[in-house]
Every structure is written in structure tokens, then in C-alpha cells.
Amino acid sequence: MKYVEANVAVHEKESYTVIEFSGHLEYGKIEELKKKIQEKASNSESDYIIDMQKVTNVDSTGFGMIVNFAKKVSMRGSQKFH
């Protein structure tokens, strides 16, 4: 079985930010990704689009990471999560 990493790329646009995930969002592979997107949620007033077109597998840990990010963003008020 081939090892597949989890990756994230953040693309700042004029009026929103695209967070693009790829690979396997699984337990043991996403610690650095969690830190990066939680920092983004804390330090930006942007709206967000989550792009998961290149994700090949998501387990409950990966899904939880995305849900927690959405909660943090929505708690800030006017920002939107798509």
C-alpha cells in the first residue's frame, strides 16, 4: 500500500481565501495541517472556500479538523464558510 500524504494550500483572493486540501486527511497525517488552518482562522477576517477536489480519503479525524475550522470561523461573526 502506497503512503499518501495530506497537504493543504492556501490561496488568498481579493475577497475570500481558498483552502485546498489534497491526499489523505487521516489520523496521524494532519497535525501540521490542523495548525496551519487554525492559525488562518485566528488571524484572518476573510471568507473561506474549502476545496476538497484532490482529497482521496477522509476519516473522522480529518472531518473533525474541517468542522472545528468552520466552527472557529463562524464564531467570529460575519465571515462565511463555503
Protein backbone atom coordinates (compact mmCIF):
# COMPACT_ATOMS: atom_id res chain seq x y z
CA MET A 1 0.00 0.00 0.00
CA LYS A 2 1.40 3.37 -1.03
CA TYR A 3 1.77 6.09 1.62
CA VAL A 4 -0.24 9.18 0.68
CA GLU A 5 0.41 12.45 2.49
CA ALA A 6 -2.09 15.09 3.47
CA ASN A 7 -1.44 18.58 2.09
CA VAL A 8 -3.01 22.00 2.24
CA ALA A 9 -2.51 25.05 0.05
CA VAL A 10 -3.92 28.45 0.97
CA HIS A 11 -4.76 30.87 -1.84
CA GLU A 12 -5.62 34.44 -0.87
CA LYS A 13 -8.06 36.08 -3.27
CA GLU A 14 -9.37 39.62 -3.26
CA SER A 15 -12.49 38.97 -1.19
CA TYR A 16 -12.03 35.41 0.10
CA THR A 17 -9.49 32.68 0.88
CA VAL A 18 -9.42 29.23 -0.75
CA ILE A 19 -8.12 26.39 1.42
CA GLU A 20 -7.27 23.49 -0.88
CA PHE A 21 -6.75 20.06 0.69
CA SER A 22 -5.24 17.05 -1.07
CA GLY A 23 -4.28 13.49 -0.26
CA HIS A 24 -5.50 11.50 2.72
CA LEU A 25 -6.97 13.54 5.58
CA GLU A 26 -6.46 10.85 8.19
CA TYR A 27 -5.33 10.38 11.77
CA GLY A 28 -1.57 10.72 12.06
CA LYS A 29 -1.21 12.72 8.84
CA ILE A 30 -2.92 16.03 9.55
CA GLU A 31 -1.29 17.58 12.63
CA GLU A 32 0.61 20.23 10.64
CA LEU A 33 -2.47 20.95 8.51
CA LYS A 34 -4.58 21.49 11.64
CA LYS A 35 -2.07 24.00 12.99
CA LYS A 36 -1.92 25.87 9.68
CA ILE A 37 -5.67 26.25 9.19
CA GLN A 38 -6.37 27.04 12.88
CA GLU A 39 -3.80 29.82 12.65
CA LYS A 40 -5.52 31.07 9.50
CA ALA A 41 -8.92 31.05 11.25
CA SER A 42 -7.50 33.07 14.14
CA ASN A 43 -5.57 35.64 12.10
CA SER A 44 -7.79 36.44 9.14
CA GLU A 45 -11.10 38.20 8.65
CA SER A 46 -11.61 36.58 5.26
CA ASP A 47 -14.47 34.44 3.99
CA TYR A 48 -13.42 30.89 3.09
CA ILE A 49 -13.94 28.29 0.40
CA ILE A 50 -12.81 24.76 1.21
CA ASP A 51 -11.68 22.86 -1.90
CA MET A 52 -11.53 19.09 -1.41
CA GLN A 53 -11.42 18.01 -5.05
CA LYS A 54 -7.97 16.43 -4.62
CA VAL A 55 -8.75 14.60 -1.36
CA THR A 56 -8.68 10.84 -1.84
CA ASN A 57 -9.70 9.76 1.67
CA VAL A 58 -11.11 11.38 4.82
CA ASP A 59 -11.50 9.71 8.20
CA SER A 60 -13.25 11.08 11.28
CA THR A 61 -10.13 12.98 12.36
CA GLY A 62 -9.91 14.78 9.01
CA PHE A 63 -13.60 15.55 9.04
CA GLY A 64 -13.33 16.84 12.62
CA MET A 65 -10.49 19.17 11.59
CA ILE A 66 -12.73 20.77 8.94
CA VAL A 67 -15.75 21.02 11.27
CA ASN A 68 -13.63 22.65 14.00
CA PHE A 69 -12.26 25.16 11.49
CA ALA A 70 -15.81 26.01 10.35
CA LYS A 71 -16.91 26.49 13.98
CA LYS A 72 -14.00 28.81 14.72
CA VAL A 73 -14.70 30.88 11.61
CA SER A 74 -18.43 31.11 12.28
CA MET A 75 -17.85 32.24 15.88
CA ARG A 76 -16.08 35.35 14.60
CA GLY A 77 -19.30 36.77 13.24
CA SER A 78 -19.69 37.95 9.67
CA GLN A 79 -17.25 35.56 7.95
CA LYS A 80 -18.69 32.90 5.72
CA PHE A 81 -17.63 29.32 5.21
CA HIS A 82 -18.47 27.60 1.90
